[in-house]
């Protein structure tokens, strides 16, 4: 289910990015919404989408929470989920920007609701997601290992650190963009 929760998590990421900079973006002398949306699009397509792609390709059965064998799914589903996940970040940012209209507190709803909807299936399937195996191993009860004891755990840790660094950088870029717009440069 992580693969199916990824677009909602991306939307929440975009809305959260807007929420974290809403006050700075609201005080602009000149409009910078287009540039800010471009930063969110770069975050989604250059950092978030590759992270989702790595997870879907590295352990496809885990990405679908062992509910269906990944080999039985259509080949176009993975790339579509990756693109949808990458596009959901600027979508969340843009809809948060448009809906708030100068009310930064309003953007909180655009963050918390999709985040809750995305985390609900992950929490329900946490017992499945704590194991790394193939579909056959999981349902056969052999060859399973704890998620953090193998390569998938290392991949998740690396992707999390990389994604946090990209989010931090995008946030800083938005702050610099807002500061430049206030100064009129």
C-alpha atoms as a PDB file:
ATOM      1  CA  UNK A   1       0.000   0.000   0.000  1.00  0.00           C
ATOM      2  CA  UNK A   2       2.901   2.468   0.215  1.00  0.00           C
ATOM      3  CA  UNK A   3       2.695   2.739  -3.571  1.00  0.00           C
ATOM      4  CA  UNK A   4      -0.989   3.655  -3.449  1.00  0.00           C
ATOM      5  CA  UNK A   5      -0.496   6.073  -0.541  1.00  0.00           C
ATOM      6  CA  UNK A   6       2.364   7.873  -2.305  1.00  0.00           C
ATOM      7  CA  UNK A   7       0.204  10.333  -4.307  1.00  0.00           C
ATOM      8  CA  UNK A   8      -1.670  11.419  -1.162  1.00  0.00           C
ATOM      9  CA  UNK A   9       1.603  11.718   0.750  1.00  0.00           C
ATOM     10  CA  UNK A  10       2.969  13.837  -2.115  1.00  0.00           C
ATOM     11  CA  UNK A  11      -0.099  16.062  -2.005  1.00  0.00           C
ATOM     12  CA  UNK A  12       0.378  16.470   1.752  1.00  0.00           C
ATOM     13  CA  UNK A  13       4.070  17.203   1.163  1.00  0.00           C
ATOM     14  CA  UNK A  14       3.193  19.995  -1.280  1.00  0.00           C
ATOM     15  CA  UNK A  15       0.507  21.418   1.000  1.00  0.00           C
ATOM     16  CA  UNK A  16       2.878  21.186   3.966  1.00  0.00           C
ATOM     17  CA  UNK A  17       5.584  22.983   1.998  1.00  0.00           C
ATOM     18  CA  UNK A  18       3.132  25.775   1.263  1.00  0.00           C
ATOM     19  CA  UNK A  19       1.918  25.836   4.864  1.00  0.00           C
ATOM     20  CA  UNK A  20       5.501  26.163   6.129  1.00  0.00           C
ATOM     21  CA  UNK A  21       6.088  29.220   3.942  1.00  0.00           C
ATOM     22  CA  UNK A  22       2.566  30.660   3.797  1.00  0.00           C
ATOM     23  CA  UNK A  23       3.345  33.674   5.959  1.00  0.00           C
ATOM     24  CA  UNK A  24       6.418  34.609   3.937  1.00  0.00           C
ATOM     25  CA  UNK A  25       4.642  34.132   0.616  1.00  0.00           C
ATOM     26  CA  UNK A  26       1.660  36.237   1.746  1.00  0.00           C
ATOM     27  CA  UNK A  27       3.762  39.390   2.277  1.00  0.00           C
ATOM     28  CA  UNK A  28       4.915  39.869  -1.287  1.00  0.00           C
ATOM     29  CA  UNK A  29       5.307  43.151  -3.149  1.00  0.00           C
ATOM     30  CA  UNK A  30       5.208  41.357  -6.483  1.00  0.00           C
ATOM     31  CA  UNK A  31       3.519  38.050  -7.238  1.00  0.00           C
ATOM     32  CA  UNK A  32       5.829  35.048  -7.071  1.00  0.00           C
ATOM     33  CA  UNK A  33       3.289  32.233  -7.159  1.00  0.00           C
ATOM     34  CA  UNK A  34       4.628  30.923 -10.484  1.00  0.00           C
ATOM     35  CA  UNK A  35       8.208  30.694  -9.238  1.00  0.00           C
ATOM     36  CA  UNK A  36       7.092  29.137  -5.947  1.00  0.00           C
ATOM     37  CA  UNK A  37       5.044  26.542  -7.814  1.00  0.00           C
ATOM     38  CA  UNK A  38       8.089  25.758  -9.965  1.00  0.00           C
ATOM     39  CA  UNK A  39      10.112  25.023  -6.816  1.00  0.00           C
ATOM     40  CA  UNK A  40       7.373  22.657  -5.617  1.00  0.00           C
ATOM     41  CA  UNK A  41       7.296  20.989  -9.055  1.00  0.00           C
ATOM     42  CA  UNK A  42      11.054  20.475  -8.972  1.00  0.00           C
ATOM     43  CA  UNK A  43      10.793  18.964  -5.497  1.00  0.00           C
ATOM     44  CA  UNK A  44       8.058  16.606  -6.669  1.00  0.00           C
ATOM     45  CA  UNK A  45       9.630  15.528  -9.937  1.00  0.00           C
ATOM     46  CA  UNK A  46      13.320  15.545  -8.981  1.00  0.00           C
ATOM     47  CA  UNK A  47      13.182  14.236  -5.400  1.00  0.00           C
ATOM     48  CA  UNK A  48       9.828  12.718  -4.452  1.00  0.00           C
ATOM     49  CA  UNK A  49       9.033  10.855  -7.693  1.00  0.00           C
ATOM     50  CA  UNK A  50      12.476   9.166  -7.832  1.00  0.00           C
ATOM     51  CA  UNK A  51      12.082   8.078  -4.199  1.00  0.00           C
ATOM     52  CA  UNK A  52       8.727   6.484  -5.019  1.00  0.00           C
ATOM     53  CA  UNK A  53      10.226   4.901  -8.145  1.00  0.00           C
ATOM     54  CA  UNK A  54      13.098   3.399  -6.144  1.00  0.00           C
ATOM     55  CA  UNK A  55      10.699   1.830  -3.662  1.00  0.00           C
ATOM     56  CA  UNK A  56       8.387   0.431  -6.313  1.00  0.00           C
ATOM     57  CA  UNK A  57      11.289  -1.019  -8.312  1.00  0.00           C
ATOM     58  CA  UNK A  58      13.408  -2.273  -5.416  1.00  0.00           C
ATOM     59  CA  UNK A  59      10.678  -4.186  -3.598  1.00  0.00           C
ATOM     60  CA  UNK A  60       7.448  -4.169  -5.630  1.00  0.00           C
ATOM     61  CA  UNK A  61       5.667  -6.754  -3.499  1.00  0.00           C
ATOM     62  CA  UNK A  62       6.390  -4.711  -0.363  1.00  0.00           C
ATOM     63  CA  UNK A  63       5.246  -1.547  -2.161  1.00  0.00           C
ATOM     64  CA  UNK A  64       1.812  -3.140  -2.583  1.00  0.00           C
ATOM     65  CA  UNK A  65       1.858  -4.514   1.002  1.00  0.00           C
ATOM     66  CA  UNK A  66       1.826  -8.137  -0.198  1.00  0.00           C
ATOM     67  CA  UNK A  67      -1.872  -7.765  -1.050  1.00  0.00           C
ATOM     68  CA  UNK A  68      -1.339  -8.692  -4.701  1.00  0.00           C
ATOM     69  CA  UNK A  69       1.688 -10.145  -6.473  1.00  0.00           C
ATOM     70  CA  UNK A  70       3.448  -7.254  -8.166  1.00  0.00           C
ATOM     71  CA  UNK A  71       4.193  -9.473 -11.186  1.00  0.00           C
ATOM     72  CA  UNK A  72       0.466  -9.790 -11.832  1.00  0.00           C
ATOM     73  CA  UNK A  73      -0.123  -6.037 -11.993  1.00  0.00           C
ATOM     74  CA  UNK A  74      -0.071  -4.158 -15.304  1.00  0.00           C
ATOM     75  CA  UNK A  75       3.368  -2.824 -16.167  1.00  0.00           C
ATOM     76  CA  UNK A  76       2.041   0.711 -16.647  1.00  0.00           C
ATOM     77  CA  UNK A  77       0.784   0.974 -13.051  1.00  0.00           C
ATOM     78  CA  UNK A  78       4.199   1.628 -11.451  1.00  0.00           C
ATOM     79  CA  UNK A  79       5.255   4.451 -13.806  1.00  0.00           C
ATOM     80  CA  UNK A  80       1.785   6.010 -13.552  1.00  0.00           C
ATOM     81  CA  UNK A  81       1.984   5.971  -9.748  1.00  0.00           C
ATOM     82  CA  UNK A  82       5.463   7.524  -9.898  1.00  0.00           C
ATOM     83  CA  UNK A  83       4.319  10.332 -12.214  1.00  0.00           C
ATOM     84  CA  UNK A  84       1.134  10.878 -10.240  1.00  0.00           C
ATOM     85  CA  UNK A  85       3.156  11.020  -7.018  1.00  0.00           C
ATOM     86  CA  UNK A  86       5.598  13.535  -8.491  1.00  0.00           C
ATOM     87  CA  UNK A  87       2.785  15.697  -9.850  1.00  0.00           C
ATOM     88  CA  UNK A  88       0.883  15.570  -6.558  1.00  0.00           C
ATOM     89  CA  UNK A  89       3.517  17.697  -4.783  1.00  0.00           C
ATOM     90  CA  UNK A  90       3.010  20.846  -6.902  1.00  0.00           C
ATOM     91  CA  UNK A  91      -0.722  20.097  -6.980  1.00  0.00           C
ATOM     92  CA  UNK A  92      -0.865  20.159  -3.170  1.00  0.00           C
ATOM     93  CA  UNK A  93       1.263  23.304  -3.095  1.00  0.00           C
ATOM     94  CA  UNK A  94      -0.804  25.055  -5.765  1.00  0.00           C
ATOM     95  CA  UNK A  95      -4.168  24.146  -4.284  1.00  0.00           C
ATOM     96  CA  UNK A  96      -2.977  25.203  -0.835  1.00  0.00           C
ATOM     97  CA  UNK A  97      -1.787  28.520  -2.303  1.00  0.00           C
ATOM     98  CA  UNK A  98      -5.024  29.100  -4.167  1.00  0.00           C
ATOM     99  CA  UNK A  99      -7.337  28.053  -1.341  1.00  0.00           C
ATOM    100  CA  UNK A 100      -5.637  30.040   1.396  1.00  0.00           C
ATOM    101  CA  UNK A 101      -5.850  33.437  -0.352  1.00  0.00           C
ATOM    102  CA  UNK A 102      -3.849  35.215   2.309  1.00  0.00           C
ATOM    103  CA  UNK A 103      -5.098  33.074   5.215  1.00  0.00           C
ATOM    104  CA  UNK A 104      -2.078  30.903   6.098  1.00  0.00           C
ATOM    105  CA  UNK A 105      -3.962  28.977   8.802  1.00  0.00           C
ATOM    106  CA  UNK A 106      -6.368  27.649   6.147  1.00  0.00           C
ATOM    107  CA  UNK A 107      -3.493  25.716   4.511  1.00  0.00           C
ATOM    108  CA  UNK A 108      -3.325  23.386   7.511  1.00  0.00           C
ATOM    109  CA  UNK A 109      -6.400  21.504   6.309  1.00  0.00           C
ATOM    110  CA  UNK A 110      -4.780  20.935   2.926  1.00  0.00           C
ATOM    111  CA  UNK A 111      -1.938  19.227   4.791  1.00  0.00           C
ATOM    112  CA  UNK A 112      -3.580  17.245   7.602  1.00  0.00           C
ATOM    113  CA  UNK A 113      -6.492  15.683   5.713  1.00  0.00           C
ATOM    114  CA  UNK A 114      -4.450  14.099   2.877  1.00  0.00           C
ATOM    115  CA  UNK A 115      -1.746  13.108   5.350  1.00  0.00           C
ATOM    116  CA  UNK A 116      -4.312  11.317   7.507  1.00  0.00           C
ATOM    117  CA  UNK A 117      -5.860   9.607   4.480  1.00  0.00           C
ATOM    118  CA  UNK A 118      -2.423   8.453   3.298  1.00  0.00           C
ATOM    119  CA  UNK A 119      -1.235   7.234   6.685  1.00  0.00           C
ATOM    120  CA  UNK A 120      -4.418   5.329   7.578  1.00  0.00           C
ATOM    121  CA  UNK A 121      -3.771   2.357   5.242  1.00  0.00           C
ATOM    122  CA  UNK A 122      -0.081   2.363   6.171  1.00  0.00           C
ATOM    123  CA  UNK A 123      -0.955   2.091   9.845  1.00  0.00           C
ATOM    124  CA  UNK A 124      -3.534  -0.615   9.169  1.00  0.00           C
ATOM    125  CA  UNK A 125      -0.965  -2.619   7.216  1.00  0.00           C
ATOM    126  CA  UNK A 126       1.984  -1.894   9.517  1.00  0.00           C
ATOM    127  CA  UNK A 127       2.346  -5.558  10.488  1.00  0.00           C
ATOM    128  CA  UNK A 128       2.849  -6.463   6.828  1.00  0.00           C
ATOM    129  CA  UNK A 129       5.088  -3.511   6.069  1.00  0.00           C
ATOM    130  CA  UNK A 130       7.535  -4.255   8.876  1.00  0.00           C
ATOM    131  CA  UNK A 131       8.725  -7.314   6.935  1.00  0.00           C
ATOM    132  CA  UNK A 132      10.795  -7.512   3.762  1.00  0.00           C
ATOM    133  CA  UNK A 133      10.036 -10.481   1.507  1.00  0.00           C
ATOM    134  CA  UNK A 134       8.554 -11.406  -1.827  1.00  0.00           C
ATOM    135  CA  UNK A 135       4.846 -12.105  -2.224  1.00  0.00           C
ATOM    136  CA  UNK A 136       5.490 -15.853  -2.186  1.00  0.00           C
ATOM    137  CA  UNK A 137       7.760 -15.660   0.862  1.00  0.00           C
ATOM    138  CA  UNK A 138       5.295 -13.536   2.801  1.00  0.00           C
ATOM    139  CA  UNK A 139       2.323 -15.795   2.137  1.00  0.00           C
ATOM    140  CA  UNK A 140       4.399 -18.987   2.462  1.00  0.00           C
ATOM    141  CA  UNK A 141       5.878 -17.942   5.797  1.00  0.00           C
ATOM    142  CA  UNK A 142       9.526 -18.386   4.790  1.00  0.00           C
ATOM    143  CA  UNK A 143      12.418 -16.080   3.928  1.00  0.00           C
ATOM    144  CA  UNK A 144      10.956 -13.051   5.703  1.00  0.00           C
ATOM    145  CA  UNK A 145      13.230 -10.625   7.480  1.00  0.00           C
ATOM    146  CA  UNK A 146      12.615  -7.505   9.489  1.00  0.00           C
ATOM    147  CA  UNK A 147      12.429  -4.430   7.324  1.00  0.00           C
ATOM    148  CA  UNK A 148      15.320  -2.623   8.981  1.00  0.00           C
ATOM    149  CA  UNK A 149      17.636  -5.642   8.910  1.00  0.00           C
ATOM    150  CA  UNK A 150      18.167  -5.730   5.180  1.00  0.00           C
ATOM    151  CA  UNK A 151      18.766  -3.707   2.051  1.00  0.00           C
ATOM    152  CA  UNK A 152      15.219  -2.338   1.925  1.00  0.00           C
ATOM    153  CA  UNK A 153      15.694  -0.783   5.369  1.00  0.00           C
ATOM    154  CA  UNK A 154      18.901   0.892   4.214  1.00  0.00           C
ATOM    155  CA  UNK A 155      17.162   2.110   1.066  1.00  0.00           C
ATOM    156  CA  UNK A 156      14.273   3.546   3.103  1.00  0.00           C
ATOM    157  CA  UNK A 157      16.709   5.303   5.435  1.00  0.00           C
ATOM    158  CA  UNK A 158      18.714   6.758   2.564  1.00  0.00           C
ATOM    159  CA  UNK A 159      15.590   7.900   0.718  1.00  0.00           C
ATOM    160  CA  UNK A 160      14.216   9.498   3.867  1.00  0.00           C
ATOM    161  CA  UNK A 161      17.434  11.432   4.499  1.00  0.00           C
ATOM    162  CA  UNK A 162      17.644  12.484   0.833  1.00  0.00           C
ATOM    163  CA  UNK A 163      14.019  13.554   0.751  1.00  0.00           C
ATOM    164  CA  UNK A 164      14.369  15.545   3.976  1.00  0.00           C
ATOM    165  CA  UNK A 165      17.405  17.317   2.517  1.00  0.00           C
ATOM    166  CA  UNK A 166      15.463  18.129  -0.666  1.00  0.00           C
ATOM    167  CA  UNK A 167      12.511  19.435   1.369  1.00  0.00           C
ATOM    168  CA  UNK A 168      14.840  21.589   3.452  1.00  0.00           C
ATOM    169  CA  UNK A 169      16.450  22.980   0.295  1.00  0.00           C
ATOM    170  CA  UNK A 170      13.065  23.679  -1.332  1.00  0.00           C
ATOM    171  CA  UNK A 171      11.934  25.462   1.839  1.00  0.00           C
ATOM    172  CA  UNK A 172      15.087  27.585   1.828  1.00  0.00           C
ATOM    173  CA  UNK A 173      14.566  28.412  -1.856  1.00  0.00           C
ATOM    174  CA  UNK A 174      11.025  29.564  -1.118  1.00  0.00           C
ATOM    175  CA  UNK A 175      12.309  31.731   1.744  1.00  0.00           C
ATOM    176  CA  UNK A 176      14.933  33.303  -0.534  1.00  0.00           C
ATOM    177  CA  UNK A 177      12.314  33.837  -3.228  1.00  0.00           C
ATOM    178  CA  UNK A 178       9.977  35.525  -0.737  1.00  0.00           C
ATOM    179  CA  UNK A 179      12.790  37.679   0.679  1.00  0.00           C
ATOM    180  CA  UNK A 180      13.761  38.801  -2.822  1.00  0.00           C
ATOM    181  CA  UNK A 181      10.178  39.683  -3.672  1.00  0.00           C
ATOM    182  CA  UNK A 182       9.784  41.759  -0.501  1.00  0.00           C
ATOM    183  CA  UNK A 183      12.923  43.694  -1.329  1.00  0.00           C
ATOM    184  CA  UNK A 184      11.622  44.198  -4.857  1.00  0.00           C
ATOM    185  CA  UNK A 185      14.628  42.632  -6.557  1.00  0.00           C
END
